[in-house]
C-alpha atoms as a PDB file:
ATOM      1  CA  UNK A   1      23.383  31.064  35.417  1.00  0.00           C
ATOM      2  CA  UNK A   2      24.887  31.651  38.466  1.00  0.00           C
ATOM      3  CA  UNK A   3      23.360  31.291  41.924  1.00  0.00           C
ATOM      4  CA  UNK A   4      23.174  34.177  43.619  1.00  0.00           C
ATOM      5  CA  UNK A   5      24.292  34.293  47.623  1.00  0.00           C
ATOM      6  CA  UNK A   6      21.764  33.396  50.105  1.00  0.00           C
ATOM      7  CA  UNK A   7      20.509  36.289  52.058  1.00  0.00           C
ATOM      8  CA  UNK A   8      18.432  36.576  55.095  1.00  0.00           C
ATOM      9  CA  UNK A   9      15.541  38.757  53.270  1.00  0.00           C
ATOM     10  CA  UNK A  10      11.366  38.957  54.495  1.00  0.00           C
ATOM     11  CA  UNK A  11       9.673  35.728  54.535  1.00  0.00           C
ATOM     12  CA  UNK A  12      12.956  33.251  54.097  1.00  0.00           C
ATOM     13  CA  UNK A  13      13.738  31.063  57.003  1.00  0.00           C
ATOM     14  CA  UNK A  14      16.841  31.329  59.280  1.00  0.00           C
ATOM     15  CA  UNK A  15      19.242  30.123  62.138  1.00  0.00           C
ATOM     16  CA  UNK A  16      20.991  32.366  64.476  1.00  0.00           C
ATOM     17  CA  UNK A  17      23.981  31.739  66.532  1.00  0.00           C
ATOM     18  CA  UNK A  18      22.104  30.535  69.438  1.00  0.00           C
ATOM     19  CA  UNK A  19      20.444  27.511  65.995  1.00  0.00           C
ATOM     20  CA  UNK A  20      17.031  28.503  66.737  1.00  0.00           C
ATOM     21  CA  UNK A  21      15.496  28.673  63.409  1.00  0.00           C
ATOM     22  CA  UNK A  22      12.707  31.100  62.070  1.00  0.00           C
ATOM     23  CA  UNK A  23      11.127  33.262  59.477  1.00  0.00           C
ATOM     24  CA  UNK A  24      12.031  36.416  58.456  1.00  0.00           C
ATOM     25  CA  UNK A  25       9.808  39.099  59.186  1.00  0.00           C
ATOM     26  CA  UNK A  26      11.063  42.501  59.425  1.00  0.00           C
ATOM     27  CA  UNK A  27      14.154  44.365  59.019  1.00  0.00           C
ATOM     28  CA  UNK A  28      14.588  46.963  61.134  1.00  0.00           C
ATOM     29  CA  UNK A  29      17.366  49.955  62.308  1.00  0.00           C
ATOM     30  CA  UNK A  30      19.658  47.215  61.162  1.00  0.00           C
ATOM     31  CA  UNK A  31      18.004  43.790  63.510  1.00  0.00           C
ATOM     32  CA  UNK A  32      16.015  41.288  61.709  1.00  0.00           C
ATOM     33  CA  UNK A  33      12.983  39.950  63.699  1.00  0.00           C
ATOM     34  CA  UNK A  34      12.731  36.283  63.064  1.00  0.00           C
ATOM     35  CA  UNK A  35       9.263  34.602  64.400  1.00  0.00           C
ATOM     36  CA  UNK A  36       9.291  30.669  65.255  1.00  0.00           C
ATOM     37  CA  UNK A  37       7.887  28.207  62.164  1.00  0.00           C
ATOM     38  CA  UNK A  38       4.421  27.551  63.186  1.00  0.00           C
ATOM     39  CA  UNK A  39       4.332  30.995  65.937  1.00  0.00           C
ATOM     40  CA  UNK A  40       5.014  32.005  68.836  1.00  0.00           C
ATOM     41  CA  UNK A  41       7.120  35.837  69.469  1.00  0.00           C
ATOM     42  CA  UNK A  42       9.319  37.478  67.426  1.00  0.00           C
ATOM     43  CA  UNK A  43      12.890  36.962  68.501  1.00  0.00           C
ATOM     44  CA  UNK A  44      15.625  39.705  66.832  1.00  0.00           C
ATOM     45  CA  UNK A  45      18.987  39.122  65.717  1.00  0.00           C
ATOM     46  CA  UNK A  46      22.516  40.727  64.188  1.00  0.00           C
ATOM     47  CA  UNK A  47      22.093  40.315  59.778  1.00  0.00           C
ATOM     48  CA  UNK A  48      25.547  39.542  60.184  1.00  0.00           C
ATOM     49  CA  UNK A  49      25.448  36.068  62.190  1.00  0.00           C
ATOM     50  CA  UNK A  50      22.010  34.649  60.178  1.00  0.00           C
ATOM     51  CA  UNK A  51      23.101  31.937  58.477  1.00  0.00           C
ATOM     52  CA  UNK A  52      20.304  29.714  55.280  1.00  0.00           C
ATOM     53  CA  UNK A  53      19.148  26.651  57.060  1.00  0.00           C
ATOM     54  CA  UNK A  54      19.824  22.870  56.661  1.00  0.00           C
ATOM     55  CA  UNK A  55      18.027  20.965  54.737  1.00  0.00           C
ATOM     56  CA  UNK A  56      17.892  18.639  57.696  1.00  0.00           C
ATOM     57  CA  UNK A  57      17.187  21.956  59.816  1.00  0.00           C
ATOM     58  CA  UNK A  58      14.373  22.606  56.924  1.00  0.00           C
ATOM     59  CA  UNK A  59      12.717  19.930  57.703  1.00  0.00           C
ATOM     60  CA  UNK A  60      12.107  20.095  60.570  1.00  0.00           C
ATOM     61  CA  UNK A  61      10.153  23.536  59.717  1.00  0.00           C
ATOM     62  CA  UNK A  62       8.270  21.193  57.565  1.00  0.00           C
ATOM     63  CA  UNK A  63       6.977  19.599  60.464  1.00  0.00           C
ATOM     64  CA  UNK A  64       6.028  22.850  62.678  1.00  0.00           C
ATOM     65  CA  UNK A  65       4.653  24.530  58.934  1.00  0.00           C
ATOM     66  CA  UNK A  66       2.763  21.292  57.881  1.00  0.00           C
ATOM     67  CA  UNK A  67      -0.988  21.502  58.185  1.00  0.00           C
ATOM     68  CA  UNK A  68      -2.278  17.846  59.822  1.00  0.00           C
ATOM     69  CA  UNK A  69      -6.278  17.683  58.975  1.00  0.00           C
ATOM     70  CA  UNK A  70      -8.707  16.545  61.703  1.00  0.00           C
ATOM     71  CA  UNK A  71      -9.339  13.316  62.759  1.00  0.00           C
ATOM     72  CA  UNK A  72     -13.615  13.443  63.324  1.00  0.00           C
ATOM     73  CA  UNK A  73     -14.772  10.632  66.089  1.00  0.00           C
END
C-alpha cells in the first residue's frame, strides 16, 4: 500500500519557514493558521512554506502537550 505524501491538513502539526512548530487549526483564503503546542497566539503561514515535523520536533511537541499530574503537598 503506497504511503501518501504529507499534507498540511487540520489538526496536524507543521513547521513553518522560521522553524516554529504549530498545530494547524484552520485554512482561510490561502493561508494556514497554526497554534503553538500547549496553546498560545495563532499565526499564519503560506501552505507551501510548511513541512512535516521531524521525530525530534514531535518529541518537543509531546513535552508541551502531555498533562502532568498535580502533586499534593
